[in-house]
Protein backbone atom coordinates (compact mmCIF):
# COMPACT_ATOMS: atom_id res chain seq x y z
CA UNK A 1 9.42 -61.44 -12.94
CA UNK A 2 8.92 -57.69 -12.51
CA UNK A 3 11.18 -56.24 -9.60
CA UNK A 4 8.87 -55.30 -6.63
CA UNK A 5 9.36 -51.79 -5.24
CA UNK A 6 8.12 -50.85 -1.86
CA UNK A 7 7.37 -47.16 -1.46
CA UNK A 8 6.96 -46.02 2.31
CA UNK A 9 4.45 -43.18 1.91
CA UNK A 10 2.00 -40.79 3.58
CA UNK A 11 3.21 -37.62 1.96
CA UNK A 12 2.65 -35.57 -1.13
CA UNK A 13 6.22 -36.53 -2.26
CA UNK A 14 5.32 -40.21 -2.04
CA UNK A 15 2.18 -39.61 -4.03
CA UNK A 16 4.08 -37.62 -6.59
CA UNK A 17 6.70 -40.51 -7.03
CA UNK A 18 3.98 -43.02 -7.18
CA UNK A 19 2.36 -41.15 -10.04
CA UNK A 20 5.67 -41.16 -11.82
CA UNK A 21 6.11 -44.80 -11.29
CA UNK A 22 2.54 -46.06 -12.03
CA UNK A 23 2.72 -46.03 -15.85
CA UNK A 24 5.91 -48.09 -15.91
CA UNK A 25 5.51 -51.71 -16.97
CA UNK A 26 8.93 -52.88 -15.98
CA UNK A 27 8.26 -52.85 -12.36
CA UNK A 28 5.63 -53.31 -9.69
CA UNK A 29 5.09 -50.81 -6.96
CA UNK A 30 3.33 -51.15 -3.61
CA UNK A 31 2.74 -48.10 -1.49
CA UNK A 32 2.59 -48.57 2.28
CA UNK A 33 0.57 -46.13 4.58
CA UNK A 34 0.53 -46.21 8.24
CA UNK A 35 -3.12 -45.94 8.52
CA UNK A 36 -3.34 -42.96 10.76
CA UNK A 37 -5.52 -41.19 8.34
CA UNK A 38 -9.13 -42.38 8.22
CA UNK A 39 -9.86 -41.25 4.62
CA UNK A 40 -6.40 -41.26 2.85
CA UNK A 41 -6.10 -39.51 -0.51
CA UNK A 42 -6.47 -41.91 -3.56
CA UNK A 43 -3.25 -43.33 -4.85
CA UNK A 44 -2.22 -44.43 -8.34
CA UNK A 45 -0.50 -47.60 -7.28
CA UNK A 46 -1.71 -50.58 -5.14
CA UNK A 47 -1.65 -49.66 -1.34
CA UNK A 48 -1.13 -51.63 1.94
CA UNK A 49 -2.24 -50.11 5.12
CA UNK A 50 -0.76 -50.80 8.56
CA UNK A 51 2.58 -51.28 10.36
CA UNK A 52 5.01 -53.95 9.79
CA UNK A 53 5.77 -54.90 13.49
CA UNK A 54 9.09 -53.09 13.85
CA UNK A 55 12.38 -53.62 12.06
CA UNK A 56 12.19 -57.47 12.03
CA UNK A 57 8.57 -57.44 10.88
CA UNK A 58 9.60 -55.30 7.87
CA UNK A 59 12.56 -57.44 7.32
CA UNK A 60 10.42 -60.44 7.03
CA UNK A 61 8.08 -58.50 4.59
CA UNK A 62 10.87 -57.50 2.45
CA UNK A 63 12.04 -61.12 2.15
CA UNK A 64 8.57 -62.58 1.64
CA UNK A 65 7.67 -60.15 -1.07
CA UNK A 66 11.07 -60.15 -2.73
CA UNK A 67 11.46 -56.50 -2.57
CA UNK A 68 14.06 -55.18 -4.98
CA UNK A 69 14.42 -51.58 -3.53
CA UNK A 70 12.69 -49.48 -0.76
CA UNK A 71 12.07 -45.76 -1.16
CA UNK A 72 11.25 -44.10 2.10
CA UNK A 73 9.10 -41.14 1.47
CA UNK A 74 7.53 -40.87 4.80
CA UNK A 75 7.05 -37.65 6.62
CA UNK A 76 10.17 -35.91 7.93
CA UNK A 77 8.84 -36.40 11.48
CA UNK A 78 8.16 -40.18 11.00
CA UNK A 79 11.61 -40.91 12.45
CA UNK A 80 10.91 -44.32 13.83
CA UNK A 81 9.68 -45.70 10.47
CA UNK A 82 12.76 -44.37 8.82
CA UNK A 83 15.02 -46.10 11.38
CA UNK A 84 12.92 -49.26 11.19
CA UNK A 85 13.39 -49.12 7.31
CA UNK A 86 17.17 -48.60 7.54
CA UNK A 87 17.62 -51.71 9.95
CA UNK A 88 15.33 -53.88 7.98
CA UNK A 89 17.04 -52.99 4.71
CA UNK A 90 20.33 -53.54 5.99
CA UNK A 91 19.51 -56.92 7.40
CA UNK A 92 17.86 -57.96 4.25
CA UNK A 93 20.28 -56.42 1.98
CA UNK A 94 17.85 -54.33 0.13
CA UNK A 95 18.82 -51.04 -1.27
CA UNK A 96 17.16 -48.06 0.43
CA UNK A 97 16.83 -44.49 -0.58
CA UNK A 98 15.11 -41.64 1.57
CA UNK A 99 13.05 -39.17 -0.35
CA UNK A 100 13.51 -36.19 2.16
CA UNK A 101 12.25 -32.63 1.68
CA UNK A 102 14.79 -29.86 2.65
CA UNK A 103 13.55 -27.91 5.71
CA UNK A 104 12.17 -24.42 5.35
CA UNK A 105 14.65 -21.70 6.00
CA UNK A 106 13.86 -18.44 7.79
CA UNK A 107 13.36 -15.19 5.54
CA UNK A 108 13.46 -11.58 6.52
CA UNK A 109 10.39 -10.86 8.37
CA UNK A 110 9.82 -14.22 9.84
CA UNK A 111 9.25 -14.61 13.59
CA UNK A 112 10.44 -18.18 14.20
CA UNK A 113 11.38 -19.83 17.47
CA UNK A 114 12.36 -23.48 17.37
CA UNK A 115 11.31 -25.73 20.06
CA UNK A 116 12.42 -29.34 20.81
CA UNK A 117 8.91 -31.03 20.62
CA UNK A 118 5.24 -30.67 21.26
CA UNK A 119 5.50 -30.35 25.19
CA UNK A 120 8.07 -27.66 24.67
CA UNK A 121 5.83 -25.77 22.26
CA UNK A 122 3.04 -25.90 24.96
CA UNK A 123 5.39 -24.20 27.47
CA UNK A 124 6.56 -21.72 24.94
CA UNK A 125 3.26 -20.23 24.49
CA UNK A 126 3.42 -18.83 27.92
CA UNK A 127 0.86 -18.20 30.50
CA UNK A 128 -0.94 -15.19 28.90
CA UNK A 129 -3.96 -16.09 26.80
CA UNK A 130 -3.19 -16.24 23.00
CA UNK A 131 -4.97 -17.29 19.97
CA UNK A 132 -3.17 -20.27 18.61
CA UNK A 133 -3.21 -21.97 15.22
CA UNK A 134 -2.29 -25.67 15.62
CA UNK A 135 -0.89 -27.10 12.41
CA UNK A 136 -0.10 -30.56 13.96
CA UNK A 137 -1.55 -34.01 13.69
CA UNK A 138 -4.87 -34.64 15.43
CA UNK A 139 -3.16 -36.86 18.06
CA UNK A 140 -0.36 -34.27 18.96
CA UNK A 141 -2.84 -31.56 19.50
CA UNK A 142 -3.95 -33.23 22.72
CA UNK A 143 -0.91 -31.94 24.51
CA UNK A 144 -2.41 -28.48 24.43
CA UNK A 145 -5.15 -29.47 26.93
CA UNK A 146 -2.48 -28.72 29.48
CA UNK A 147 -2.76 -24.95 28.38
CA UNK A 148 -6.42 -24.31 28.51
CA UNK A 149 -6.00 -20.59 28.86
CA UNK A 150 -5.43 -20.15 24.98
CA UNK A 151 -8.01 -20.15 22.20
CA UNK A 152 -7.07 -22.77 19.58
CA UNK A 153 -7.82 -23.13 15.88
CA UNK A 154 -7.26 -26.74 14.80
CA UNK A 155 -6.82 -27.76 11.15
CA UNK A 156 -6.61 -31.63 10.45
CA UNK A 157 -7.54 -34.07 7.68
CA UNK A 158 -9.71 -36.07 9.95
CA UNK A 159 -12.03 -34.74 12.84
CA UNK A 160 -10.45 -34.31 16.24
CA UNK A 161 -12.82 -36.71 18.24
CA UNK A 162 -13.45 -36.13 21.06
CA UNK A 163 -12.92 -32.33 20.83
CA UNK A 164 -10.14 -30.96 22.94
CA UNK A 165 -10.92 -30.43 26.65
CA UNK A 166 -10.36 -26.71 26.46
CA UNK A 167 -12.82 -23.92 26.85
CA UNK A 168 -12.23 -22.46 23.52
CA UNK A 169 -11.33 -24.37 20.26
CA UNK A 170 -12.39 -24.22 16.67
CA UNK A 171 -11.85 -26.85 13.94
CA UNK A 172 -11.27 -26.82 10.28
CA UNK A 173 -11.04 -29.86 8.16
CA UNK A 174 -8.81 -29.67 5.04
CA UNK A 175 -6.24 -31.69 3.14
CA UNK A 176 -3.28 -29.59 1.54
CA UNK A 177 -1.84 -28.01 -0.58
CA UNK A 178 -2.87 -24.65 1.18
CA UNK A 179 -2.13 -21.42 -0.44
CA UNK A 180 -0.82 -18.34 1.10
CA UNK A 181 -3.92 -16.33 0.24
CA UNK A 182 -6.31 -18.99 1.85
CA UNK A 183 -4.02 -19.24 4.95
CA UNK A 184 -3.74 -15.38 5.22
CA UNK A 185 -7.54 -15.23 5.35
CA UNK A 186 -7.94 -18.00 7.77
CA UNK A 187 -5.41 -16.57 10.20
CA UNK A 188 -6.70 -13.04 10.02
CA UNK A 189 -10.41 -14.12 10.43
CA UNK A 190 -9.52 -16.06 13.64
CA UNK A 191 -7.13 -13.30 15.05
CA UNK A 192 -4.23 -15.77 15.38
CA UNK A 193 -1.16 -14.39 17.17
CA UNK A 194 0.97 -17.76 17.35
CA UNK A 195 1.28 -20.79 15.17
CA UNK A 196 2.51 -24.23 16.23
CA UNK A 197 3.84 -26.20 13.21
CA UNK A 198 6.26 -28.67 12.15
CA UNK A 199 9.22 -27.69 9.80
CA UNK A 200 7.86 -30.02 7.02
CA UNK A 201 9.56 -28.42 4.02
CA UNK A 202 7.97 -28.37 0.58
CA UNK A 203 5.39 -26.26 -0.72
CA UNK A 204 2.03 -28.01 0.19
CA UNK A 205 1.85 -26.46 3.69
CA UNK A 206 4.11 -23.43 3.12
CA UNK A 207 1.06 -21.23 2.76
CA UNK A 208 0.70 -20.56 6.57
CA UNK A 209 4.39 -19.68 6.96
CA UNK A 210 4.21 -17.10 4.19
CA UNK A 211 0.98 -15.78 5.62
CA UNK A 212 2.54 -15.64 9.15
CA UNK A 213 5.38 -13.46 7.76
CA UNK A 214 2.95 -11.13 6.15
CA UNK A 215 0.88 -10.88 9.28
CA UNK A 216 3.89 -10.77 11.76
CA UNK A 217 2.68 -13.86 13.53
CA UNK A 218 5.14 -15.67 15.85
CA UNK A 219 5.73 -19.40 14.72
CA UNK A 220 6.85 -22.06 17.18
CA UNK A 221 8.58 -24.75 14.99
CA UNK A 222 9.03 -28.28 16.30
CA UNK A 223 12.53 -29.25 15.58
CA UNK A 224 13.14 -32.20 13.19
CA UNK A 225 13.97 -35.40 14.68
CA UNK A 226 17.20 -37.30 13.82
CA UNK A 227 17.10 -39.58 10.89
CA UNK A 228 19.20 -42.58 9.69
CA UNK A 229 22.31 -41.88 7.72
CA UNK A 230 21.19 -43.46 4.32
CA UNK A 231 21.34 -42.10 0.70
CA UNK A 232 18.79 -39.25 0.35
CA UNK A 233 17.34 -37.18 -2.25
CA UNK A 234 14.99 -34.19 -2.24
CA UNK A 235 12.90 -34.67 -5.36
CA UNK A 236 10.58 -37.45 -6.76
CA UNK A 237 12.50 -37.15 -10.25
CA UNK A 238 15.86 -37.91 -8.36
CA UNK A 239 14.45 -40.93 -6.61
CA UNK A 240 13.19 -42.37 -10.06
CA UNK A 241 16.73 -41.80 -11.33
CA UNK A 242 18.30 -43.59 -8.26
CA UNK A 243 15.63 -46.43 -8.75
CA UNK A 244 16.66 -46.84 -12.41
CA UNK A 245 20.40 -47.13 -11.33
CA UNK A 246 19.42 -49.80 -8.83
CA UNK A 247 17.53 -51.80 -11.34
CA UNK A 248 20.31 -51.49 -14.00
CA UNK A 249 22.77 -52.61 -11.69
CA UNK A 250 20.74 -55.50 -10.71
CA UNK A 251 20.19 -56.58 -14.42
CA UNK A 252 23.91 -56.27 -15.01
CA UNK A 253 24.51 -58.51 -11.87
CA UNK A 254 22.26 -61.03 -13.29
CA UNK A 255 23.97 -61.14 -16.86
CA UNK A 256 27.28 -61.45 -14.89
CA UNK A 257 28.24 -57.93 -15.76
């Protein structure tokens, strides 16, 4: 029976890893998505959608499906899922790896200010009206209704419905990756003077950061939440190598090695 691998996804890294694993005939891969996106991107492996019901629900799933290993490639800000995975894998004695992108590092010319969370970002914008690009999830942008003096530009995969209860807001639908030239044109066209974003790492959404540097735009970066202390790598190739080691060790154990 082929080892069943659970890939916790929702990121470009998860899709890249799934693409690497899809052609393999020695394993069976299931990609789990939280279901927050209405129209998720096509995936190269079978997909399950929805939560597990906390750590205990995930533990039950791991046991019921005979999961041989879990790779947590969720978004760096999906901390609750990461902690649930760590607890469930420990309880079920299932090997766990985190595929975590390194955070972006400030370069000369960047005007970054780190804030603790979204409410802190709302406060950090100040009282004077500004033109703000919100590079956040469609549910998180609701917090900015508390600061209606600003003009907002919101980019999201799915429409923000209903629209924000503020006097002025524009909406752009799009799915990354976004290039620097594209984001430079977007920010300039809307006269943006502040960006609120997460330090997601990777290249898919870095275009706005490079464009902000070139345009001398201030960026309010939401701090990354704490994550569980588990084995972690930064690249899909490293995750596949880890998986090969886990599978080899399991095969050796079955042979009595």
